[in-house]
Amino acid sequence: DFEISNVVCNGAEKGIFLRGLPEMSVKNISLSDIVLKTNNAIEIIEASNIRLNNIQVISKQTKPVVYIESSSNISINSLKYTNGADLLFSINGERTKAISVTNTDIKNAKEKFVFVNGGEASALQIK
């Protein structure tokens, strides 16, 4: 149960990195009003009940901007990312489900999303 807000970071390797274990996922994390300039943007693995709100990430590596694996109940609202990103979302793993993306302009990415290693299109809802 973490709530983190109003953060500016310039120069990190990874902007947001959340990683649990198959037997013990990280849970109930809320990140909001964050500006990141990083090499890699967002990676969420083995997590649930994650809320990202008003995140701006400028990353050198944009394939993908957001990597999600074996995670559920992920809410992303108002994500701003590097214009012309190669890939916006990589959805991985058959246990990945209930990812909601709102108020995010996905048109600025060359490729919007890929689903691999059992990831399914039904796991992702863009509103």
Protein backbone atom coordinates (compact mmCIF):
# COMPACT_ATOMS: atom_id res chain seq x y z
CA ASP A 1 0.00 0.00 0.00
CA PHE A 2 2.02 2.95 -1.34
CA GLU A 3 0.98 6.35 -2.62
CA ILE A 4 3.66 8.46 -4.29
CA SER A 5 3.05 11.79 -5.98
CA ASN A 6 4.73 14.97 -7.22
CA VAL A 7 8.02 13.44 -8.34
CA VAL A 8 10.45 14.69 -10.99
CA CYS A 9 13.30 12.43 -12.11
CA ASN A 10 15.98 13.17 -14.68
CA GLY A 11 18.34 10.41 -15.79
CA ALA A 12 17.17 7.13 -14.24
CA GLU A 13 17.69 3.78 -15.97
CA LYS A 14 14.01 2.86 -15.45
CA GLY A 15 11.28 5.38 -14.74
CA ILE A 16 8.80 3.08 -13.00
CA PHE A 17 9.79 -0.50 -12.13
CA LEU A 18 7.35 -2.62 -10.14
CA ARG A 19 8.19 -6.30 -9.79
CA GLY A 20 6.64 -8.88 -7.54
CA LEU A 21 6.90 -12.65 -7.49
CA PRO A 22 4.43 -15.21 -8.85
CA GLU A 23 3.63 -16.29 -5.30
CA MET A 24 3.57 -12.73 -3.92
CA SER A 25 2.66 -9.88 -6.26
CA VAL A 26 3.17 -6.25 -5.36
CA LYS A 27 -0.22 -4.68 -4.65
CA ASN A 28 -2.06 -1.43 -4.09
CA ILE A 29 0.38 1.14 -5.44
CA SER A 30 -0.72 4.57 -6.58
CA LEU A 31 1.65 6.87 -8.49
CA SER A 32 0.51 10.32 -9.60
CA ASP A 33 1.78 13.62 -10.97
CA ILE A 34 5.17 12.31 -12.01
CA VAL A 35 7.62 13.56 -14.68
CA LEU A 36 10.37 11.16 -15.75
CA LYS A 37 13.30 11.45 -18.16
CA THR A 38 14.78 7.95 -18.39
CA ASN A 39 16.41 5.30 -20.53
CA ASN A 40 13.45 2.90 -20.13
CA ALA A 41 9.95 4.02 -19.23
CA ILE A 42 7.57 1.72 -17.32
CA GLU A 43 7.81 -1.96 -16.38
CA ILE A 44 5.16 -3.74 -14.31
CA ILE A 45 5.62 -7.45 -13.54
CA GLU A 46 3.64 -9.63 -11.11
CA ALA A 47 1.56 -6.75 -9.74
CA SER A 48 -2.08 -5.97 -9.02
CA ASN A 49 -4.16 -2.93 -8.16
CA ILE A 50 -1.69 -0.45 -9.63
CA ARG A 51 -2.85 3.09 -10.43
CA LEU A 52 -0.78 5.46 -12.57
CA ASN A 53 -2.26 8.94 -12.90
CA ASN A 54 -0.84 11.90 -14.80
CA ILE A 55 2.51 10.35 -15.66
CA GLN A 56 4.81 12.02 -18.19
CA VAL A 57 7.71 9.87 -19.34
CA ILE A 58 10.35 10.83 -21.87
CA SER A 59 12.46 7.75 -22.55
CA LYS A 60 15.31 6.86 -24.89
CA GLN A 61 14.01 3.32 -25.38
CA THR A 62 10.44 3.32 -26.64
CA LYS A 63 9.91 -0.32 -27.58
CA PRO A 64 7.89 -0.54 -25.43
CA VAL A 65 6.99 2.51 -23.39
CA VAL A 66 4.87 0.36 -21.02
CA TYR A 67 5.70 -3.32 -20.43
CA ILE A 68 3.15 -5.30 -18.41
CA GLU A 69 3.58 -8.97 -17.51
CA SER A 70 1.48 -11.31 -15.35
CA SER A 71 -0.37 -8.39 -13.75
CA SER A 72 -3.99 -7.40 -13.18
CA ASN A 73 -6.16 -4.42 -12.31
CA ILE A 74 -3.78 -1.86 -13.75
CA SER A 75 -5.24 1.62 -14.24
CA ILE A 76 -3.35 4.14 -16.38
CA ASN A 77 -4.85 7.62 -16.65
CA SER A 78 -3.34 10.52 -18.57
CA LEU A 79 -0.06 8.97 -19.72
CA LYS A 80 2.17 11.25 -21.79
CA TYR A 81 5.12 9.68 -23.55
CA THR A 82 7.86 10.33 -26.10
CA ASN A 83 6.28 11.48 -29.36
CA GLY A 84 6.72 8.88 -32.12
CA ALA A 85 7.39 6.03 -29.68
CA ASP A 86 8.05 2.71 -31.44
CA LEU A 87 5.64 0.68 -29.28
CA LEU A 88 3.30 1.98 -26.59
CA PHE A 89 2.15 -1.19 -24.76
CA SER A 90 3.57 -4.71 -24.55
CA ILE A 91 1.06 -6.99 -22.80
CA ASN A 92 2.63 -10.28 -21.71
CA GLY A 93 1.48 -13.45 -19.98
CA GLU A 94 -1.81 -15.30 -19.83
CA ARG A 95 -2.48 -14.03 -16.28
CA THR A 96 -2.42 -10.41 -17.42
CA LYS A 97 -5.92 -8.91 -17.33
CA ALA A 98 -8.00 -5.83 -16.51
CA ILE A 99 -5.71 -3.11 -17.82
CA SER A 100 -7.56 0.17 -18.27
CA VAL A 101 -6.08 3.14 -20.14
CA THR A 102 -7.93 6.46 -20.10
CA ASN A 103 -7.19 10.02 -21.26
CA THR A 104 -4.10 8.89 -23.17
CA ASP A 105 -3.43 9.79 -26.79
CA ILE A 106 -2.29 6.51 -28.34
CA LYS A 107 -2.04 8.00 -31.84
CA ASN A 108 1.48 9.34 -31.21
CA ALA A 109 2.95 5.82 -31.13
CA LYS A 110 4.08 4.04 -34.30
CA GLU A 111 2.70 0.75 -32.94
CA LYS A 112 -0.01 0.85 -30.28
CA PHE A 113 0.22 -2.56 -28.62
CA VAL A 114 1.45 -6.15 -28.91
CA PHE A 115 0.25 -9.22 -27.06
CA VAL A 116 2.84 -11.95 -26.47
CA ASN A 117 3.48 -15.06 -24.36
CA GLY A 118 -0.24 -15.62 -23.82
CA GLY A 119 -1.21 -11.96 -23.45
CA GLU A 120 -4.64 -11.29 -24.94
CA ALA A 121 -6.27 -8.23 -26.51
CA SER A 122 -9.20 -8.63 -24.10
CA ALA A 123 -6.84 -7.73 -21.23
CA LEU A 124 -6.51 -4.14 -22.46
CA GLN A 125 -9.28 -1.54 -22.54
CA ILE A 126 -8.54 1.88 -23.99
CA LYS A 127 -11.18 4.51 -23.30
